[in-house]
Amino acid sequence: MSLSAVKINSSTITERLIKVAKNTLNKVTDMMLLPIVGITIFLFVWSITAQSIHTSLGEFPGPNAVVKQFSSLYDEHVIEREKAEAFYNRQEKRNAAKLAKNPDYVTKIRAYTGKETFLEQIITSLMTVTAGFIFAVIIAVPLGIWMGLSKRINSAFNPIVQIFKPVSPLAWLPLVTMVVSALYVSDDPMVSKSFITSMITVSLCSLWPMVINTSIGVSTINNDLLNVSKVLRLPTLRHIQKIVLPASIPMIFTGMRLSFGVAWMVLIAAEMLAQNPGLGKFVWDEFQNGSSSSLARIMAAVIVIGFIGFLLDRVMLQIQQKVSWDKSS
């Protein structure tokens, strides 16, 4: 090999290494550096702006005040859990003493009725929104597939979807509350009425994006795939399983992601209005409380609500990429 050829090869390798290094640096910049810069700018603007806003409860909370409230809320959770543990320990000792005197005594354990902490209200909201979303999926996806497969069915149901799609949760909530109160009557209910009310309200408001996107995804399946199904004479259920669902999964999950975001927003509004346990009730209670730390605690809740909404969207995106044949979707 000549000296010139060696020089050309070495220069080519150097160019490739430089190109790889540039691509890696660009990816790191896009994934980490730019978000950090954006968050830093936001925190700076927030901190400066907060100092110039004065309300009836004092100065608008800046980042430092909100961080302190996160620590305070966690400390309150720990204290409340210690109270609950002490409450159950006292009951156990009392029951043990009574059993020692009377072996036939039937022990009773009363539930701790202390207030829900911030962390517990987060869990309550997540359980409610997940249940409401799953209930909506069970209804919306089959209905969307049915509408997508038949133009007549689509013509029959599409007006109903378009009418109810823009209805606010604040309009649904009173109706749902009355219906649940009338029908859900039990001396020992498995779940509370407030949970059922919030769940159904979430489902009613998050149905429509899934129905619309699923029907569009099914109705726009490639004709070649439909022709393959006709040639093979697949039964309806087999046709849906092998052709319809795999081809329309990207659109179905797009609708699911939209619906999950809607469900989370609707839940917070429903909890605030109906005073059902959860993050919405926490925000409303702090607003009604009117203490000097209320604004900072509300702002902490707002950040948590936004962050959880972001995580829910990421979870749906990861599920979509796992089950979809089109990974770029």
Protein backbone atom coordinates (compact mmCIF):
# COMPACT_ATOMS: atom_id res chain seq x y z
CA MET A 1 0.00 0.00 0.00
CA SER A 2 1.39 3.38 -1.00
CA LEU A 3 2.00 6.24 1.41
CA SER A 4 -0.73 8.35 -0.24
CA ALA A 5 -3.29 5.57 0.24
CA VAL A 6 -2.35 5.28 3.92
CA LYS A 7 -2.81 9.05 4.31
CA ILE A 8 -6.23 8.92 2.62
CA ASN A 9 -7.37 6.05 4.88
CA SER A 10 -6.17 7.80 8.03
CA SER A 11 -7.87 11.04 7.02
CA THR A 12 -11.09 9.15 6.28
CA ILE A 13 -10.99 7.48 9.71
CA THR A 14 -10.33 10.84 11.36
CA GLU A 15 -13.29 12.41 9.53
CA ARG A 16 -15.55 9.56 10.63
CA LEU A 17 -14.44 9.88 14.24
CA ILE A 18 -15.05 13.65 14.13
CA LYS A 19 -18.48 13.06 12.61
CA VAL A 20 -19.39 10.49 15.30
CA ALA A 21 -18.16 12.84 18.02
CA LYS A 22 -20.24 15.70 16.58
CA ASN A 23 -23.37 13.54 16.39
CA THR A 24 -22.87 12.33 19.98
CA LEU A 25 -22.33 15.90 21.18
CA ASN A 26 -25.46 17.08 19.36
CA LYS A 27 -27.54 14.30 20.91
CA VAL A 28 -26.23 15.06 24.41
CA THR A 29 -26.93 18.76 23.83
CA ASP A 30 -30.48 18.11 22.63
CA MET A 31 -31.28 15.60 25.39
CA MET A 32 -29.65 17.23 28.42
CA LEU A 33 -28.04 20.63 27.91
CA LEU A 34 -30.92 22.42 26.16
CA PRO A 35 -33.58 21.22 28.66
CA ILE A 36 -31.32 22.32 31.54
CA VAL A 37 -30.88 25.74 29.92
CA GLY A 38 -34.63 26.07 29.40
CA ILE A 39 -35.43 25.08 32.99
CA THR A 40 -32.78 27.47 34.31
CA ILE A 41 -34.24 30.37 32.33
CA PHE A 42 -37.74 29.49 33.54
CA LEU A 43 -36.64 29.38 37.18
CA PHE A 44 -34.83 32.71 36.83
CA VAL A 45 -37.85 34.43 35.24
CA TRP A 46 -40.16 32.85 37.84
CA SER A 47 -37.96 34.03 40.71
CA ILE A 48 -37.72 37.62 39.40
CA THR A 49 -41.43 37.84 38.53
CA ALA A 50 -42.59 36.40 41.87
CA GLN A 51 -40.88 39.22 43.77
CA SER A 52 -43.01 41.83 41.99
CA ILE A 53 -46.37 40.11 42.57
CA HIS A 54 -48.08 40.85 45.88
CA THR A 55 -51.37 39.22 46.81
CA SER A 56 -53.70 39.33 49.81
CA LEU A 57 -51.79 36.34 51.20
CA GLY A 58 -48.39 37.93 50.70
CA GLU A 59 -45.72 37.72 48.04
CA PHE A 60 -46.18 35.20 45.23
CA PRO A 61 -44.01 32.14 46.03
CA GLY A 62 -40.72 31.75 44.21
CA PRO A 63 -38.77 28.51 43.62
CA ASN A 64 -37.14 28.55 47.09
CA ALA A 65 -40.49 28.85 48.90
CA VAL A 66 -41.95 25.98 46.86
CA VAL A 67 -38.95 23.71 47.55
CA LYS A 68 -39.37 24.38 51.29
CA GLN A 69 -43.04 23.38 51.06
CA PHE A 70 -42.12 20.08 49.39
CA SER A 71 -39.99 19.31 52.44
CA SER A 72 -42.77 20.44 54.78
CA LEU A 73 -45.38 18.32 53.00
CA TYR A 74 -43.17 15.24 53.29
CA ASP A 75 -42.59 15.89 57.01
CA GLU A 76 -46.37 16.18 57.51
CA HIS A 77 -46.80 12.81 55.77
CA VAL A 78 -44.27 11.15 58.08
CA ILE A 79 -45.91 12.64 61.19
CA GLU A 80 -49.38 11.54 60.06
CA ARG A 81 -48.15 7.99 59.38
CA GLU A 82 -46.63 7.86 62.86
CA LYS A 83 -49.97 8.93 64.34
CA ALA A 84 -51.75 6.21 62.35
CA GLU A 85 -49.28 3.56 63.47
CA ALA A 86 -49.67 4.63 67.10
CA PHE A 87 -53.48 4.54 66.70
CA TYR A 88 -53.42 0.92 65.45
CA ASN A 89 -50.89 -0.12 68.12
CA ARG A 90 -53.21 1.17 70.85
CA GLN A 91 -56.09 -0.84 69.39
CA GLU A 92 -53.99 -4.00 69.26
CA LYS A 93 -52.95 -3.61 72.89
CA ARG A 94 -56.54 -2.94 73.95
CA ASN A 95 -57.81 -5.99 72.03
CA ALA A 96 -55.05 -8.16 73.49
CA ALA A 97 -56.01 -7.09 77.01
CA LYS A 98 -59.70 -7.80 76.40
CA LEU A 99 -58.93 -11.21 74.89
CA ALA A 100 -56.87 -12.07 77.94
CA LYS A 101 -59.91 -11.41 80.12
CA ASN A 102 -62.47 -12.89 77.74
CA PRO A 103 -61.26 -15.39 75.08
CA ASP A 104 -64.65 -15.14 73.32
CA TYR A 105 -64.31 -11.42 72.75
CA VAL A 106 -64.60 -10.42 69.05
CA THR A 107 -61.83 -7.97 68.24
CA LYS A 108 -62.52 -4.85 66.21
CA ILE A 109 -60.07 -2.66 64.35
CA ARG A 110 -61.26 0.82 63.51
CA ALA A 111 -59.80 2.60 60.53
CA TYR A 112 -57.65 5.66 61.15
CA THR A 113 -59.64 8.75 60.17
CA GLY A 114 -56.89 11.36 60.12
CA LYS A 115 -56.63 13.72 57.16
CA GLU A 116 -55.07 12.50 53.95
CA THR A 117 -51.53 13.73 53.42
CA PHE A 118 -50.24 15.24 50.19
CA LEU A 119 -48.58 11.97 49.15
CA GLU A 120 -51.73 9.99 49.87
CA GLN A 121 -53.79 12.41 47.81
CA ILE A 122 -51.38 11.93 44.90
CA ILE A 123 -51.94 8.16 45.11
CA THR A 124 -55.71 8.65 45.34
CA SER A 125 -55.73 10.82 42.21
CA LEU A 126 -53.55 8.34 40.30
CA MET A 127 -55.83 5.43 41.22
CA THR A 128 -58.92 7.39 40.19
CA VAL A 129 -57.56 8.60 36.85
CA THR A 130 -56.23 5.13 35.98
CA ALA A 131 -59.58 3.48 36.74
CA GLY A 132 -61.49 6.12 34.77
CA PHE A 133 -59.11 5.86 31.83
CA ILE A 134 -59.28 2.05 31.69
CA PHE A 135 -63.08 2.20 31.82
CA ALA A 136 -63.01 4.71 28.93
CA VAL A 137 -60.68 2.46 26.89
CA ILE A 138 -63.03 -0.52 27.33
CA ILE A 139 -65.85 1.53 25.78
CA ALA A 140 -64.01 3.78 23.32
CA VAL A 141 -61.74 1.36 21.44
CA PRO A 142 -64.44 -1.21 20.46
CA LEU A 143 -66.82 1.65 19.56
CA GLY A 144 -64.11 3.34 17.47
CA ILE A 145 -63.32 0.07 15.65
CA TRP A 146 -67.02 -0.49 14.96
CA MET A 147 -67.38 3.04 13.58
CA GLY A 148 -64.25 2.67 11.47
CA LEU A 149 -65.37 -0.60 9.92
CA SER A 150 -68.83 0.63 8.93
CA LYS A 151 -69.63 3.96 7.28
CA ARG A 152 -73.27 3.61 8.32
CA ILE A 153 -72.38 3.09 11.97
CA ASN A 154 -70.00 6.04 11.73
CA SER A 155 -72.75 8.22 10.26
CA ALA A 156 -75.09 7.18 13.07
CA PHE A 157 -72.74 7.75 16.01
CA ASN A 158 -70.45 10.54 14.79
CA PRO A 159 -72.99 13.33 15.54
CA ILE A 160 -73.32 12.05 19.11
CA VAL A 161 -69.53 12.03 19.52
CA GLN A 162 -69.21 15.56 18.13
CA ILE A 163 -71.99 16.87 20.41
CA PHE A 164 -70.60 15.42 23.65
CA LYS A 165 -66.89 15.90 22.88
CA PRO A 166 -66.71 19.59 23.96
CA VAL A 167 -68.85 19.21 27.10
CA SER A 168 -66.98 20.42 30.19
CA PRO A 169 -66.48 18.13 33.21
CA LEU A 170 -68.16 20.85 35.28
CA ALA A 171 -71.36 20.13 33.33
CA TRP A 172 -71.09 16.35 33.68
CA LEU A 173 -70.23 16.33 37.38
CA PRO A 174 -73.64 17.35 38.85
CA LEU A 175 -75.43 14.81 36.65
CA VAL A 176 -73.00 12.02 37.51
CA THR A 177 -73.21 12.88 41.21
CA MET A 178 -77.00 12.64 41.21
CA VAL A 179 -77.07 9.37 39.25
CA VAL A 180 -74.40 7.73 41.44
CA SER A 181 -76.19 8.86 44.61
CA ALA A 182 -79.46 7.34 43.32
CA LEU A 183 -78.08 4.05 42.00
CA TYR A 184 -75.03 3.29 44.14
CA VAL A 185 -76.78 2.53 47.42
CA SER A 186 -75.07 0.15 49.83
CA ASP A 187 -74.60 -0.13 53.59
CA ASP A 188 -71.08 -1.47 53.07
CA PRO A 189 -69.79 -0.20 49.69
CA MET A 190 -66.58 -1.64 48.25
CA VAL A 191 -65.50 1.81 47.07
CA SER A 192 -66.69 5.27 48.04
CA LYS A 193 -69.26 7.25 46.07
CA SER A 194 -66.72 10.04 45.58
CA PHE A 195 -64.38 7.60 43.81
CA ILE A 196 -67.15 6.34 41.52
CA THR A 197 -68.28 9.91 40.75
CA SER A 198 -64.79 11.11 39.84
CA MET A 199 -64.04 7.96 37.83
CA ILE A 200 -67.20 8.18 35.71
CA THR A 201 -66.68 11.92 35.11
CA VAL A 202 -63.14 11.22 33.94
CA SER A 203 -64.36 8.44 31.64
CA LEU A 204 -67.10 10.59 30.08
CA CYS A 205 -64.67 13.37 29.22
CA SER A 206 -61.78 11.18 27.99
CA LEU A 207 -63.84 8.86 25.76
CA TRP A 208 -64.05 11.06 22.70
CA PRO A 209 -60.41 11.49 21.55
CA MET A 210 -60.02 7.71 21.64
CA VAL A 211 -63.23 7.08 19.72
CA ILE A 212 -62.33 9.61 17.02
CA ASN A 213 -58.71 8.52 16.56
CA THR A 214 -59.57 4.82 16.62
CA SER A 215 -62.31 5.22 13.99
CA ILE A 216 -60.00 7.28 11.77
CA GLY A 217 -57.18 4.75 12.15
CA VAL A 218 -59.45 1.85 11.23
CA SER A 219 -61.14 3.62 8.31
CA THR A 220 -57.79 4.58 6.73
CA ILE A 221 -56.21 1.12 6.69
CA ASN A 222 -54.32 0.39 3.49
CA ASN A 223 -56.54 -1.24 0.86
CA ASP A 224 -53.89 -3.88 0.15
CA LEU A 225 -54.26 -5.17 3.72
CA LEU A 226 -58.04 -5.27 3.36
CA ASN A 227 -57.73 -7.16 0.09
CA VAL A 228 -55.45 -9.74 1.75
CA SER A 229 -58.13 -10.28 4.39
CA LYS A 230 -60.78 -10.71 1.70
CA VAL A 231 -58.66 -13.20 -0.24
CA LEU A 232 -58.03 -15.24 2.92
CA ARG A 233 -61.72 -14.91 3.85
CA LEU A 234 -60.90 -14.10 7.44
CA PRO A 235 -63.84 -14.09 9.88
CA THR A 236 -64.72 -10.71 11.38
CA LEU A 237 -62.99 -11.25 14.72
CA ARG A 238 -59.91 -12.72 13.00
CA HIS A 239 -59.90 -9.79 10.58
CA ILE A 240 -59.93 -7.32 13.48
CA GLN A 241 -57.24 -9.24 15.36
CA LYS A 242 -54.81 -9.78 12.46
CA ILE A 243 -55.43 -6.79 10.19
CA VAL A 244 -57.34 -3.98 11.87
CA LEU A 245 -55.64 -3.72 15.26
CA PRO A 246 -51.99 -3.99 14.09
CA ALA A 247 -52.56 -1.46 11.30
CA SER A 248 -54.43 1.08 13.45
CA ILE A 249 -52.43 0.84 16.68
CA PRO A 250 -50.50 4.11 16.06
CA MET A 251 -53.74 6.10 15.74
CA ILE A 252 -55.37 4.25 18.65
CA PHE A 253 -52.47 5.11 20.95
CA THR A 254 -52.43 8.70 19.76
CA GLY A 255 -56.03 8.89 20.93
CA MET A 256 -55.11 7.19 24.20
CA ARG A 257 -52.31 9.68 24.87
CA LEU A 258 -54.67 12.58 24.21
CA SER A 259 -57.35 11.00 26.38
CA PHE A 260 -54.97 10.35 29.28
CA GLY A 261 -53.98 14.03 29.28
CA VAL A 262 -57.64 15.06 29.18
CA ALA A 263 -58.46 12.56 31.96
CA TRP A 264 -55.79 14.00 34.25
CA MET A 265 -56.98 17.59 33.73
CA VAL A 266 -60.62 16.60 34.17
CA LEU A 267 -59.89 14.72 37.39
CA ILE A 268 -58.25 17.74 39.07
CA ALA A 269 -61.22 19.94 38.13
CA ALA A 270 -63.73 17.31 39.33
CA GLU A 271 -61.95 16.86 42.66
CA MET A 272 -61.92 20.62 43.21
CA LEU A 273 -65.60 21.07 42.45
CA ALA A 274 -66.94 17.94 44.19
CA GLN A 275 -64.46 18.04 47.07
CA ASN A 276 -63.51 14.45 46.39
CA PRO A 277 -60.20 13.21 47.87
CA GLY A 278 -57.19 13.92 45.68
CA LEU A 279 -54.88 16.65 44.44
CA GLY A 280 -57.77 18.83 43.30
CA LYS A 281 -59.23 18.86 46.80
CA PHE A 282 -55.79 19.63 48.22
CA VAL A 283 -55.50 22.72 46.00
CA TRP A 284 -58.99 23.91 46.90
CA ASP A 285 -58.47 23.32 50.63
CA GLU A 286 -55.25 25.33 50.58
CA PHE A 287 -56.98 28.14 48.69
CA GLN A 288 -59.76 28.18 51.30
CA ASN A 289 -57.24 27.96 54.12
CA GLY A 290 -55.68 31.29 53.20
CA SER A 291 -52.52 30.93 55.30
CA SER A 292 -49.20 32.57 54.48
CA SER A 293 -47.89 29.28 53.07
CA SER A 294 -51.00 28.42 51.03
CA LEU A 295 -49.75 29.91 47.76
CA ALA A 296 -46.46 28.02 47.98
CA ARG A 297 -48.29 24.77 48.74
CA ILE A 298 -50.67 25.33 45.81
CA MET A 299 -47.70 26.03 43.53
CA ALA A 300 -46.04 22.82 44.74
CA ALA A 301 -49.24 20.93 43.87
CA VAL A 302 -49.33 22.58 40.42
CA ILE A 303 -45.78 21.42 39.70
CA VAL A 304 -46.61 17.88 40.84
CA ILE A 305 -49.76 17.83 38.69
CA GLY A 306 -47.80 18.93 35.63
CA PHE A 307 -44.95 16.49 36.26
CA ILE A 308 -47.34 13.55 36.74
CA GLY A 309 -49.15 14.51 33.52
CA PHE A 310 -45.81 14.46 31.72
CA LEU A 311 -44.93 11.04 33.16
CA LEU A 312 -48.31 9.59 32.17
CA ASP A 313 -47.76 10.74 28.59
CA ARG A 314 -44.26 9.20 28.55
CA VAL A 315 -45.64 5.91 29.88
CA MET A 316 -48.26 5.78 27.11
CA LEU A 317 -45.58 6.58 24.52
CA GLN A 318 -43.36 3.74 25.75
CA ILE A 319 -46.29 1.29 25.66
CA GLN A 320 -47.13 2.45 22.13
CA GLN A 321 -43.56 1.83 20.95
CA LYS A 322 -43.57 -1.65 22.50
CA VAL A 323 -46.81 -2.84 20.89
CA SER A 324 -46.61 -0.99 17.55
CA TRP A 325 -44.94 -2.42 14.49
CA ASP A 326 -44.07 1.14 13.42
CA LYS A 327 -41.50 2.22 16.01
CA SER A 328 -41.24 5.73 14.55
CA SER A 329 -44.91 6.37 15.36
